[in-house]
Amino acid sequence: MAVTAQDVRALALTLPRAYEALVRDRVKFRVGRLVFLSISPDETQLGFGYPKEERNALIAAEPEKYMLPIPSDMRYNWVRVWLAEIDHDELEALVVNSWRMSVPKKVWTEYQAART
């Protein structure tokens, strides 16, 4: 079942230190000043933090789901996905892993401990 922007919001705001901001018609989720998620204005795509050195392999493996960021974001650890192409489990993995790249190790460790 496809996910929506509301699903992204519901999940992202449960993560420690995460908050929502509106920047130039885009809903963004941040930890401090670092953006870890961005929803497109039409709410069909999700941008998320992802290691630059691994993104080409991710996109090549599932090009119907994933795409490169816009040219101005290529320098960042960033990838985009069509929300209609992923399910809730995949969304959770993308959101949590993107958030993990933005928080201190201590916060990640505490989060993991609380979940087990």
PDB file of N, CA and C in Angstrom:
ATOM      1  N   MET A   1       0.845  -1.183   0.000  1.00  0.00           N
ATOM      2  CA  MET A   1       0.000   0.000   0.000  1.00  0.00           C
ATOM      3  C   MET A   1       0.887   1.242   0.000  1.00  0.00           C
ATOM      4  N   ALA A   2       0.609   2.163  -0.882  1.00  0.00           N
ATOM      5  CA  ALA A   2       1.406   3.388  -1.014  1.00  0.00           C
ATOM      6  C   ALA A   2       1.282   4.250   0.235  1.00  0.00           C
ATOM      7  N   VAL A   3       2.295   5.055   0.444  1.00  0.00           N
ATOM      8  CA  VAL A   3       2.295   5.953   1.604  1.00  0.00           C
ATOM      9  C   VAL A   3       1.990   7.381   1.151  1.00  0.00           C
ATOM     10  N   THR A   4       1.659   8.219   2.116  1.00  0.00           N
ATOM     11  CA  THR A   4       1.315   9.613   1.833  1.00  0.00           C
ATOM     12  C   THR A   4       2.222  10.544   2.614  1.00  0.00           C
ATOM     13  N   ALA A   5       2.103  11.818   2.316  1.00  0.00           N
ATOM     14  CA  ALA A   5       2.853  12.829   3.065  1.00  0.00           C
ATOM     15  C   ALA A   5       2.452  12.807   4.536  1.00  0.00           C
ATOM     16  N   GLN A   6       1.205  12.502   4.810  1.00  0.00           N
ATOM     17  CA  GLN A   6       0.763  12.406   6.213  1.00  0.00           C
ATOM     18  C   GLN A   6       1.463  11.259   6.943  1.00  0.00           C
ATOM     19  N   ASP A   7       1.700  10.163   6.244  1.00  0.00           N
ATOM     20  CA  ASP A   7       2.441   9.046   6.833  1.00  0.00           C
ATOM     21  C   ASP A   7       3.870   9.469   7.159  1.00  0.00           C
ATOM     22  N   VAL A   8       4.483  10.223   6.250  1.00  0.00           N
ATOM     23  CA  VAL A   8       5.847  10.725   6.474  1.00  0.00           C
ATOM     24  C   VAL A   8       5.855  11.597   7.719  1.00  0.00           C
ATOM     25  N   ARG A   9       4.935  12.536   7.786  1.00  0.00           N
ATOM     26  CA  ARG A   9       4.844  13.460   8.918  1.00  0.00           C
ATOM     27  C   ARG A   9       4.652  12.704  10.240  1.00  0.00           C
ATOM     28  N   ALA A  10       3.711  11.772  10.248  1.00  0.00           N
ATOM     29  CA  ALA A  10       3.418  11.014  11.463  1.00  0.00           C
ATOM     30  C   ALA A  10       4.647  10.266  11.971  1.00  0.00           C
ATOM     31  N   LEU A  11       5.409   9.715  11.065  1.00  0.00           N
ATOM     32  CA  LEU A  11       6.611   8.967  11.447  1.00  0.00           C
ATOM     33  C   LEU A  11       7.759   9.896  11.844  1.00  0.00           C
ATOM     34  N   ALA A  12       8.030  10.893  11.023  1.00  0.00           N
ATOM     35  CA  ALA A  12       9.181  11.774  11.264  1.00  0.00           C
ATOM     36  C   ALA A  12       9.068  12.506  12.601  1.00  0.00           C
ATOM     37  N   LEU A  13       7.875  12.924  12.952  1.00  0.00           N
ATOM     38  CA  LEU A  13       7.723  13.710  14.180  1.00  0.00           C
ATOM     39  C   LEU A  13       7.792  12.876  15.451  1.00  0.00           C
ATOM     40  N   THR A  14       7.878  11.555  15.318  1.00  0.00           N
ATOM     41  CA  THR A  14       8.074  10.707  16.501  1.00  0.00           C
ATOM     42  C   THR A  14       9.550  10.583  16.868  1.00  0.00           C
ATOM     43  N   LEU A  15      10.432  11.014  15.972  1.00  0.00           N
ATOM     44  CA  LEU A  15      11.869  10.841  16.183  1.00  0.00           C
ATOM     45  C   LEU A  15      12.431  11.958  17.069  1.00  0.00           C
ATOM     46  N   PRO A  16      13.297  11.601  17.999  1.00  0.00           N
ATOM     47  CA  PRO A  16      13.880  12.610  18.895  1.00  0.00           C
ATOM     48  C   PRO A  16      14.563  13.740  18.124  1.00  0.00           C
ATOM     49  N   ARG A  17      14.315  14.956  18.576  1.00  0.00           N
ATOM     50  CA  ARG A  17      14.904  16.187  18.052  1.00  0.00           C
ATOM     51  C   ARG A  17      14.381  16.598  16.678  1.00  0.00           C
ATOM     52  N   ALA A  18      13.494  15.821  16.077  1.00  0.00           N
ATOM     53  CA  ALA A  18      12.975  16.147  14.741  1.00  0.00           C
ATOM     54  C   ALA A  18      11.860  17.179  14.859  1.00  0.00           C
ATOM     55  N   TYR A  19      11.841  18.095  13.895  1.00  0.00           N
ATOM     56  CA  TYR A  19      10.747  19.066  13.815  1.00  0.00           C
ATOM     57  C   TYR A  19      10.474  19.399  12.362  1.00  0.00           C
ATOM     58  N   GLU A  20       9.287  19.959  12.126  1.00  0.00           N
ATOM     59  CA  GLU A  20       8.834  20.284  10.784  1.00  0.00           C
ATOM     60  C   GLU A  20       9.001  21.774  10.509  1.00  0.00           C
ATOM     61  N   ALA A  21       9.355  22.105   9.276  1.00  0.00           N
ATOM     62  CA  ALA A  21       9.478  23.503   8.855  1.00  0.00           C
ATOM     63  C   ALA A  21       8.975  23.622   7.420  1.00  0.00           C
ATOM     64  N   LEU A  22       8.447  24.780   7.081  1.00  0.00           N
ATOM     65  CA  LEU A  22       8.025  25.050   5.710  1.00  0.00           C
ATOM     66  C   LEU A  22       9.051  25.988   5.091  1.00  0.00           C
ATOM     67  N   VAL A  23       9.690  25.526   4.013  1.00  0.00           N
ATOM     68  CA  VAL A  23      10.721  26.306   3.334  1.00  0.00           C
ATOM     69  C   VAL A  23      10.397  26.327   1.844  1.00  0.00           C
ATOM     70  N   ARG A  24      10.083  27.503   1.312  1.00  0.00           N
ATOM     71  CA  ARG A  24       9.763  27.665  -0.113  1.00  0.00           C
ATOM     72  C   ARG A  24       8.792  26.608  -0.624  1.00  0.00           C
ATOM     73  N   ASP A  25       7.647  26.512  -0.027  1.00  0.00           N
ATOM     74  CA  ASP A  25       6.573  25.590  -0.418  1.00  0.00           C
ATOM     75  C   ASP A  25       6.895  24.116  -0.215  1.00  0.00           C
ATOM     76  N   ARG A  26       7.954  23.834   0.477  1.00  0.00           N
ATOM     77  CA  ARG A  26       8.295  22.430   0.760  1.00  0.00           C
ATOM     78  C   ARG A  26       8.268  22.193   2.267  1.00  0.00           C
ATOM     79  N   VAL A  27       7.639  21.092   2.633  1.00  0.00           N
ATOM     80  CA  VAL A  27       7.676  20.663   4.028  1.00  0.00           C
ATOM     81  C   VAL A  27       9.003  19.955   4.221  1.00  0.00           C
ATOM     82  N   LYS A  28       9.749  20.409   5.212  1.00  0.00           N
ATOM     83  CA  LYS A  28      11.049  19.803   5.501  1.00  0.00           C
ATOM     84  C   LYS A  28      11.066  19.363   6.958  1.00  0.00           C
ATOM     85  N   PHE A  29      11.793  18.317   7.206  1.00  0.00           N
ATOM     86  CA  PHE A  29      11.969  17.819   8.563  1.00  0.00           C
ATOM     87  C   PHE A  29      13.439  17.948   8.895  1.00  0.00           C
ATOM     88  N   ARG A  30      13.677  18.498  10.065  1.00  0.00           N
ATOM     89  CA  ARG A  30      15.049  18.829  10.453  1.00  0.00           C
ATOM     90  C   ARG A  30      15.389  18.286  11.825  1.00  0.00           C
ATOM     91  N   VAL A  31      16.686  18.202  12.029  1.00  0.00           N
ATOM     92  CA  VAL A  31      17.286  18.020  13.346  1.00  0.00           C
ATOM     93  C   VAL A  31      18.264  19.179  13.461  1.00  0.00           C
ATOM     94  N   GLY A  32      17.973  20.115  14.345  1.00  0.00           N
ATOM     95  CA  GLY A  32      18.777  21.333  14.378  1.00  0.00           C
ATOM     96  C   GLY A  32      18.597  22.050  13.056  1.00  0.00           C
ATOM     97  N   ARG A  33      19.692  22.360  12.388  1.00  0.00           N
ATOM     98  CA  ARG A  33      19.613  23.020  11.083  1.00  0.00           C
ATOM     99  C   ARG A  33      19.738  22.053   9.916  1.00  0.00           C
ATOM    100  N   LEU A  34      19.966  20.770  10.218  1.00  0.00           N
ATOM    101  CA  LEU A  34      20.135  19.758   9.171  1.00  0.00           C
ATOM    102  C   LEU A  34      18.792  19.215   8.695  1.00  0.00           C
ATOM    103  N   VAL A  35      18.577  19.249   7.410  1.00  0.00           N
ATOM    104  CA  VAL A  35      17.364  18.689   6.815  1.00  0.00           C
ATOM    105  C   VAL A  35      17.594  17.213   6.555  1.00  0.00           C
ATOM    106  N   PHE A  36      16.663  16.367   7.023  1.00  0.00           N
ATOM    107  CA  PHE A  36      16.806  14.943   6.743  1.00  0.00           C
ATOM    108  C   PHE A  36      15.694  14.403   5.845  1.00  0.00           C
ATOM    109  N   LEU A  37      14.604  15.165   5.676  1.00  0.00           N
ATOM    110  CA  LEU A  37      13.529  14.797   4.765  1.00  0.00           C
ATOM    111  C   LEU A  37      12.956  16.052   4.129  1.00  0.00           C
ATOM    112  N   SER A  38      12.426  15.920   2.922  1.00  0.00           N
ATOM    113  CA  SER A  38      11.760  17.029   2.246  1.00  0.00           C
ATOM    114  C   SER A  38      10.646  16.464   1.375  1.00  0.00           C
ATOM    115  N   ILE A  39       9.443  16.984   1.552  1.00  0.00           N
ATOM    116  CA  ILE A  39       8.297  16.546   0.764  1.00  0.00           C
ATOM    117  C   ILE A  39       8.073  17.560  -0.354  1.00  0.00           C
ATOM    118  N   SER A  40       7.884  17.075  -1.570  1.00  0.00           N
ATOM    119  CA  SER A  40       7.656  17.967  -2.709  1.00  0.00           C
ATOM    120  C   SER A  40       6.346  18.733  -2.517  1.00  0.00           C
ATOM    121  N   PRO A  41       6.226  19.906  -3.137  1.00  0.00           N
ATOM    122  CA  PRO A  41       4.991  20.703  -2.986  1.00  0.00           C
ATOM    123  C   PRO A  41       3.714  19.948  -3.376  1.00  0.00           C
ATOM    124  N   ASP A  42       3.805  19.044  -4.364  1.00  0.00           N
ATOM    125  CA  ASP A  42       2.620  18.270  -4.756  1.00  0.00           C
ATOM    126  C   ASP A  42       2.461  16.978  -3.944  1.00  0.00           C
ATOM    127  N   GLU A  43       3.348  16.766  -2.990  1.00  0.00           N
ATOM    128  CA  GLU A  43       3.325  15.636  -2.053  1.00  0.00           C
ATOM    129  C   GLU A  43       3.426  14.267  -2.732  1.00  0.00           C
ATOM    130  N   THR A  44       4.107  14.215  -3.877  1.00  0.00           N
ATOM    131  CA  THR A  44       4.287  12.938  -4.566  1.00  0.00           C
ATOM    132  C   THR A  44       5.687  12.358  -4.384  1.00  0.00           C
ATOM    133  N   GLN A  45       6.645  13.210  -3.999  1.00  0.00           N
ATOM    134  CA  GLN A  45       8.027  12.762  -3.841  1.00  0.00           C
ATOM    135  C   GLN A  45       8.541  13.086  -2.440  1.00  0.00           C
ATOM    136  N   LEU A  46       9.460  12.263  -2.005  1.00  0.00           N
ATOM    137  CA  LEU A  46      10.143  12.489  -0.739  1.00  0.00           C
ATOM    138  C   LEU A  46      11.633  12.522  -1.008  1.00  0.00           C
ATOM    139  N   GLY A  47      12.289  13.594  -0.596  1.00  0.00           N
ATOM    140  CA  GLY A  47      13.738  13.661  -0.620  1.00  0.00           C
ATOM    141  C   GLY A  47      14.229  13.212   0.747  1.00  0.00           C
ATOM    142  N   PHE A  48      15.324  12.470   0.772  1.00  0.00           N
ATOM    143  CA  PHE A  48      15.817  11.958   2.048  1.00  0.00           C
ATOM    144  C   PHE A  48      17.333  11.837   2.028  1.00  0.00           C
ATOM    145  N   GLY A  49      17.910  11.920   3.199  1.00  0.00           N
ATOM    146  CA  GLY A  49      19.349  11.763   3.328  1.00  0.00           C
ATOM    147  C   GLY A  49      19.756  10.337   3.016  1.00  0.00           C
ATOM    148  N   TYR A  50      20.835  10.213   2.222  1.00  0.00           N
ATOM    149  CA  TYR A  50      21.333   8.902   1.821  1.00  0.00           C
ATOM    150  C   TYR A  50      22.789   9.082   1.405  1.00  0.00           C
ATOM    151  N   PRO A  51      23.663   8.167   1.759  1.00  0.00           N
ATOM    152  CA  PRO A  51      25.085   8.333   1.421  1.00  0.00           C
ATOM    153  C   PRO A  51      25.313   8.512  -0.085  1.00  0.00           C
ATOM    154  N   LYS A  52      26.034   9.557  -0.442  1.00  0.00           N
ATOM    155  CA  LYS A  52      26.313   9.849  -1.858  1.00  0.00           C
ATOM    156  C   LYS A  52      26.953   8.673  -2.575  1.00  0.00           C
ATOM    157  N   GLU A  53      27.876   8.009  -1.914  1.00  0.00           N
ATOM    158  CA  GLU A  53      28.621   6.936  -2.569  1.00  0.00           C
ATOM    159  C   GLU A  53      27.759   5.696  -2.835  1.00  0.00           C
ATOM    160  N   GLU A  54      26.568   5.621  -2.250  1.00  0.00           N
ATOM    161  CA  GLU A  54      25.684   4.467  -2.439  1.00  0.00           C
ATOM    162  C   GLU A  54      24.450   4.784  -3.278  1.00  0.00           C
ATOM    163  N   ARG A  55      24.199   6.055  -3.564  1.00  0.00           N
ATOM    164  CA  ARG A  55      22.928   6.411  -4.205  1.00  0.00           C
ATOM    165  C   ARG A  55      22.797   5.895  -5.635  1.00  0.00           C
ATOM    166  N   ASN A  56      23.859   5.857  -6.415  1.00  0.00           N
ATOM    167  CA  ASN A  56      23.747   5.352  -7.785  1.00  0.00           C
ATOM    168  C   ASN A  56      23.325   3.887  -7.800  1.00  0.00           C
ATOM    169  N   ALA A  57      23.812   3.111  -6.865  1.00  0.00           N
ATOM    170  CA  ALA A  57      23.428   1.699  -6.784  1.00  0.00           C
ATOM    171  C   ALA A  57      21.956   1.562  -6.390  1.00  0.00           C
ATOM    172  N   LEU A  58      21.504   2.376  -5.464  1.00  0.00           N
ATOM    173  CA  LEU A  58      20.101   2.356  -5.052  1.00  0.00           C
ATOM    174  C   LEU A  58      19.196   2.679  -6.233  1.00  0.00           C
ATOM    175  N   ILE A  59      19.525   3.726  -6.957  1.00  0.00           N
ATOM    176  CA  ILE A  59      18.721   4.152  -8.101  1.00  0.00           C
ATOM    177  C   ILE A  59      18.760   3.101  -9.219  1.00  0.00           C
ATOM    178  N   ALA A  60      19.927   2.549  -9.480  1.00  0.00           N
ATOM    179  CA  ALA A  60      20.048   1.532 -10.526  1.00  0.00           C
ATOM    180  C   ALA A  60      19.248   0.274 -10.194  1.00  0.00           C
ATOM    181  N   ALA A  61      19.177  -0.067  -8.923  1.00  0.00           N
ATOM    182  CA  ALA A  61      18.456  -1.267  -8.506  1.00  0.00           C
ATOM    183  C   ALA A  61      16.946  -1.117  -8.668  1.00  0.00           C
ATOM    184  N   GLU A  62      16.424   0.095  -8.451  1.00  0.00           N
ATOM    185  CA  GLU A  62      14.976   0.318  -8.544  1.00  0.00           C
ATOM    186  C   GLU A  62      14.682   1.699  -9.143  1.00  0.00           C
ATOM    187  N   PRO A  63      14.948   1.874 -10.430  1.00  0.00           N
ATOM    188  CA  PRO A  63      14.784   3.189 -11.047  1.00  0.00           C
ATOM    189  C   PRO A  63      13.334   3.667 -11.123  1.00  0.00           C
ATOM    190  N   GLU A  64      12.387   2.755 -10.971  1.00  0.00           N
ATOM    191  CA  GLU A  64      10.980   3.163 -10.961  1.00  0.00           C
ATOM    192  C   GLU A  64      10.591   3.825  -9.635  1.00  0.00           C
ATOM    193  N   LYS A  65      11.398   3.627  -8.612  1.00  0.00           N
ATOM    194  CA  LYS A  65      11.135   4.207  -7.288  1.00  0.00           C
ATOM    195  C   LYS A  65      12.013   5.422  -7.011  1.00  0.00           C
ATOM    196  N   TYR A  66      13.299   5.268  -7.223  1.00  0.00           N
ATOM    197  CA  TYR A  66      14.279   6.256  -6.777  1.00  0.00           C
ATOM    198  C   TYR A  66      14.824   7.088  -7.923  1.00  0.00           C
ATOM    199  N   MET A  67      15.215   8.308  -7.606  1.00  0.00           N
ATOM    200  CA  MET A  67      15.814   9.194  -8.603  1.00  0.00           C
ATOM    201  C   MET A  67      16.845  10.089  -7.927  1.00  0.00           C
ATOM    202  N   LEU A  68      17.734  10.624  -8.739  1.00  0.00           N
ATOM    203  CA  LEU A  68      18.740  11.557  -8.238  1.00  0.00           C
ATOM    204  C   LEU A  68      18.077  12.833  -7.752  1.00  0.00           C
ATOM    205  N   PRO A  69      18.741  13.549  -6.863  1.00  0.00           N
ATOM    206  CA  PRO A  69      18.213  14.845  -6.448  1.00  0.00           C
ATOM    207  C   PRO A  69      18.336  15.855  -7.590  1.00  0.00           C
ATOM    208  N   ILE A  70      17.710  17.010  -7.406  1.00  0.00           N
ATOM    209  CA  ILE A  70      17.858  18.075  -8.395  1.00  0.00           C
ATOM    210  C   ILE A  70      19.332  18.473  -8.460  1.00  0.00           C
ATOM    211  N   PRO A  71      19.783  19.025  -9.572  1.00  0.00           N
ATOM    212  CA  PRO A  71      21.214  19.325  -9.738  1.00  0.00           C
ATOM    213  C   PRO A  71      21.844  20.122  -8.588  1.00  0.00           C
ATOM    214  N   SER A  72      21.129  21.077  -8.030  1.00  0.00           N
ATOM    215  CA  SER A  72      21.718  21.872  -6.944  1.00  0.00           C
ATOM    216  C   SER A  72      21.898  21.077  -5.654  1.00  0.00           C
ATOM    217  N   ASP A  73      21.246  19.919  -5.540  1.00  0.00           N
ATOM    218  CA  ASP A  73      21.382  19.078  -4.346  1.00  0.00           C
ATOM    219  C   ASP A  73      22.337  17.905  -4.544  1.00  0.00           C
ATOM    220  N   MET A  74      22.943  17.789  -5.708  1.00  0.00           N
ATOM    221  CA  MET A  74      23.846  16.667  -5.980  1.00  0.00           C
ATOM    222  C   MET A  74      25.040  16.631  -5.040  1.00  0.00           C
ATOM    223  N   ARG A  75      25.433  17.765  -4.514  1.00  0.00           N
ATOM    224  CA  ARG A  75      26.599  17.787  -3.624  1.00  0.00           C
ATOM    225  C   ARG A  75      26.276  17.247  -2.229  1.00  0.00           C
ATOM    226  N   TYR A  76      25.001  17.072  -1.941  1.00  0.00           N
ATOM    227  CA  TYR A  76      24.579  16.576  -0.627  1.00  0.00           C
ATOM    228  C   TYR A  76      24.334  15.078  -0.652  1.00  0.00           C
ATOM    229  N   ASN A  77      24.251  14.497   0.528  1.00  0.00           N
ATOM    230  CA  ASN A  77      23.845  13.104   0.694  1.00  0.00           C
ATOM    231  C   ASN A  77      22.332  13.067   0.542  1.00  0.00           C
ATOM    232  N   TRP A  78      21.859  12.916  -0.689  1.00  0.00           N
ATOM    233  CA  TRP A  78      20.434  13.097  -0.941  1.00  0.00           C
ATOM    234  C   TRP A  78      19.958  12.236  -2.099  1.00  0.00           C
ATOM    235  N   VAL A  79      18.734  11.701  -1.984  1.00  0.00           N
ATOM    236  CA  VAL A  79      18.060  10.916  -3.019  1.00  0.00           C
ATOM    237  C   VAL A  79      16.574  11.263  -2.914  1.00  0.00           C
ATOM    238  N   ARG A  80      15.834  11.007  -3.986  1.00  0.00           N
ATOM    239  CA  ARG A  80      14.381  11.201  -3.970  1.00  0.00           C
ATOM    240  C   ARG A  80      13.680   9.882  -4.290  1.00  0.00           C
ATOM    241  N   VAL A  81      12.443   9.754  -3.795  1.00  0.00           N
ATOM    242  CA  VAL A  81      11.639   8.564  -4.025  1.00  0.00           C
ATOM    243  C   VAL A  81      10.199   8.989  -4.305  1.00  0.00           C
ATOM    244  N   TRP A  82       9.516   8.210  -5.163  1.00  0.00           N
ATOM    245  CA  TRP A  82       8.079   8.402  -5.390  1.00  0.00           C
ATOM    246  C   TRP A  82       7.344   7.765  -4.222  1.00  0.00           C
ATOM    247  N   LEU A  83       6.543   8.538  -3.502  1.00  0.00           N
ATOM    248  CA  LEU A  83       5.810   8.000  -2.348  1.00  0.00           C
ATOM    249  C   LEU A  83       4.855   6.882  -2.756  1.00  0.00           C
ATOM    250  N   ALA A  84       4.272   6.977  -3.932  1.00  0.00           N
ATOM    251  CA  ALA A  84       3.321   5.960  -4.389  1.00  0.00           C
ATOM    252  C   ALA A  84       3.971   4.601  -4.632  1.00  0.00           C
ATOM    253  N   GLU A  85       5.295   4.569  -4.696  1.00  0.00           N
ATOM    254  CA  GLU A  85       6.004   3.327  -5.014  1.00  0.00           C
ATOM    255  C   GLU A  85       6.545   2.579  -3.798  1.00  0.00           C
ATOM    256  N   ILE A  86       6.359   3.125  -2.610  1.00  0.00           N
ATOM    257  CA  ILE A  86       6.906   2.455  -1.417  1.00  0.00           C
ATOM    258  C   ILE A  86       5.784   2.135  -0.429  1.00  0.00           C
ATOM    259  N   ASP A  87       6.063   1.158   0.437  1.00  0.00           N
ATOM    260  CA  ASP A  87       5.100   0.802   1.469  1.00  0.00           C
ATOM    261  C   ASP A  87       5.555   1.361   2.819  1.00  0.00           C
ATOM    262  N   HIS A  88       4.791   1.102   3.840  1.00  0.00           N
ATOM    263  CA  HIS A  88       5.084   1.668   5.163  1.00  0.00           C
ATOM    264  C   HIS A  88       6.407   1.175   5.748  1.00  0.00           C
ATOM    265  N   ASP A  89       6.726  -0.085   5.539  1.00  0.00           N
ATOM    266  CA  ASP A  89       7.994  -0.614   6.067  1.00  0.00           C
ATOM    267  C   ASP A  89       9.187   0.066   5.401  1.00  0.00           C
ATOM    268  N   GLU A  90       9.107   0.237   4.091  1.00  0.00           N
ATOM    269  CA  GLU A  90      10.193   0.899   3.375  1.00  0.00           C
ATOM    270  C   GLU A  90      10.297   2.367   3.787  1.00  0.00           C
ATOM    271  N   LEU A  91       9.143   3.016   3.956  1.00  0.00           N
ATOM    272  CA  LEU A  91       9.142   4.407   4.420  1.00  0.00           C
ATOM    273  C   LEU A  91       9.834   4.516   5.770  1.00  0.00           C
ATOM    274  N   GLU A  92       9.494   3.632   6.683  1.00  0.00           N
ATOM    275  CA  GLU A  92      10.106   3.681   8.013  1.00  0.00           C
ATOM    276  C   GLU A  92      11.620   3.535   7.924  1.00  0.00           C
ATOM    277  N   ALA A  93      12.091   2.613   7.115  1.00  0.00           N
ATOM    278  CA  ALA A  93      13.536   2.416   6.968  1.00  0.00           C
ATOM    279  C   ALA A  93      14.200   3.667   6.396  1.00  0.00           C
ATOM    280  N   LEU A  94      13.607   4.262   5.366  1.00  0.00           N
ATOM    281  CA  LEU A  94      14.185   5.466   4.765  1.00  0.00           C
ATOM    282  C   LEU A  94      14.211   6.627   5.748  1.00  0.00           C
ATOM    283  N   VAL A  95      13.108   6.850   6.436  1.00  0.00           N
ATOM    284  CA  VAL A  95      13.007   7.976   7.370  1.00  0.00           C
ATOM    285  C   VAL A  95      13.978   7.808   8.527  1.00  0.00           C
ATOM    286  N   VAL A  96      13.983   6.654   9.138  1.00  0.00           N
ATOM    287  CA  VAL A  96      14.845   6.434  10.310  1.00  0.00           C
ATOM    288  C   VAL A  96      16.321   6.495   9.914  1.00  0.00           C
ATOM    289  N   ASN A  97      16.691   5.899   8.802  1.00  0.00           N
ATOM    290  CA  ASN A  97      18.096   5.947   8.385  1.00  0.00           C
ATOM    291  C   ASN A  97      18.535   7.349   7.993  1.00  0.00           C
ATOM    292  N   SER A  98      17.645   8.108   7.380  1.00  0.00           N
ATOM    293  CA  SER A  98      17.960   9.500   7.041  1.00  0.00           C
ATOM    294  C   SER A  98      18.126  10.329   8.311  1.00  0.00           C
ATOM    295  N   TRP A  99      17.205  10.161   9.236  1.00  0.00           N
ATOM    296  CA  TRP A  99      17.285  10.859  10.533  1.00  0.00           C
ATOM    297  C   TRP A  99      18.581  10.489  11.251  1.00  0.00           C
ATOM    298  N   ARG A 100      18.926   9.218  11.211  1.00  0.00           N
ATOM    299  CA  ARG A 100      20.138   8.730  11.878  1.00  0.00           C
ATOM    300  C   ARG A 100      21.390   9.475  11.396  1.00  0.00           C
ATOM    301  N   MET A 101      21.411   9.850  10.109  1.00  0.00           N
ATOM    302  CA  MET A 101      22.557  10.570   9.563  1.00  0.00           C
ATOM    303  C   MET A 101      22.659  11.990  10.128  1.00  0.00           C
ATOM    304  N   SER A 102      21.586  12.482  10.741  1.00  0.00           N
ATOM    305  CA  SER A 102      21.519  13.873  11.201  1.00  0.00           C
ATOM    306  C   SER A 102      21.673  14.055  12.703  1.00  0.00           C
ATOM    307  N   VAL A 103      21.607  12.980  13.450  1.00  0.00           N
ATOM    308  CA  VAL A 103      21.675  13.111  14.909  1.00  0.00           C
ATOM    309  C   VAL A 103      23.016  12.625  15.444  1.00  0.00           C
ATOM    310  N   PRO A 104      23.386  13.107  16.626  1.00  0.00           N
ATOM    311  CA  PRO A 104      24.604  12.592  17.265  1.00  0.00           C
ATOM    312  C   PRO A 104      24.470  11.102  17.575  1.00  0.00           C
ATOM    313  N   LYS A 105      25.605  10.422  17.628  1.00  0.00           N
ATOM    314  CA  LYS A 105      25.616   8.983  17.913  1.00  0.00           C
ATOM    315  C   LYS A 105      24.876   8.643  19.198  1.00  0.00           C
ATOM    316  N   LYS A 106      25.017   9.496  20.185  1.00  0.00           N
ATOM    317  CA  LYS A 106      24.367   9.252  21.479  1.00  0.00           C
ATOM    318  C   LYS A 106      22.844   9.194  21.326  1.00  0.00           C
ATOM    319  N   VAL A 107      22.285  10.074  20.531  1.00  0.00           N
ATOM    320  CA  VAL A 107      20.834  10.082  20.312  1.00  0.00           C
ATOM    321  C   VAL A 107      20.406   8.807  19.598  1.00  0.00           C
ATOM    322  N   TRP A 108      21.168   8.396  18.595  1.00  0.00           N
ATOM    323  CA  TRP A 108      20.875   7.157  17.872  1.00  0.00           C
ATOM    324  C   TRP A 108      20.937   5.955  18.804  1.00  0.00           C
ATOM    325  N   THR A 109      21.955   5.897  19.638  1.00  0.00           N
ATOM    326  CA  THR A 109      22.113   4.787  20.578  1.00  0.00           C
ATOM    327  C   THR A 109      20.946   4.736  21.553  1.00  0.00           C
ATOM    328  N   GLU A 110      20.535   5.878  22.067  1.00  0.00           N
ATOM    329  CA  GLU A 110      19.391   5.934  22.986  1.00  0.00           C
ATOM    330  C   GLU A 110      18.106   5.501  22.288  1.00  0.00           C
ATOM    331  N   TYR A 111      17.941   5.899  21.056  1.00  0.00           N
ATOM    332  CA  TYR A 111      16.764   5.526  20.276  1.00  0.00           C
ATOM    333  C   TYR A 111      16.712   4.010  20.094  1.00  0.00           C
ATOM    334  N   GLN A 112      17.838   3.437  19.703  1.00  0.00           N
ATOM    335  CA  GLN A 112      17.906   1.977  19.524  1.00  0.00           C
ATOM    336  C   GLN A 112      17.602   1.243  20.817  1.00  0.00           C
ATOM    337  N   ALA A 113      18.156   1.710  21.919  1.00  0.00           N
ATOM    338  CA  ALA A 113      17.940   1.070  23.217  1.00  0.00           C
ATOM    339  C   ALA A 113      16.458   1.127  23.615  1.00  0.00           C
ATOM    340  N   ALA A 114      15.818   2.227  23.339  1.00  0.00           N
ATOM    341  CA  ALA A 114      14.400   2.380  23.698  1.00  0.00           C
ATOM    342  C   ALA A 114      13.501   1.466  22.861  1.00  0.00           C
ATOM    343  N   ARG A 115      13.929   1.146  21.657  1.00  0.00           N
ATOM    344  CA  ARG A 115      13.125   0.298  20.754  1.00  0.00           C
ATOM    345  C   ARG A 115      13.277  -1.185  21.048  1.00  0.00           C
ATOM    346  N   THR A 116      14.322  -1.566  21.775  1.00  0.00           N
ATOM    347  CA  THR A 116      14.520  -3.002  22.039  1.00  0.00           C
ATOM    348  C   THR A 116      14.056  -3.390  23.424  1.00  0.00           C
TER     349      THR A 116
END
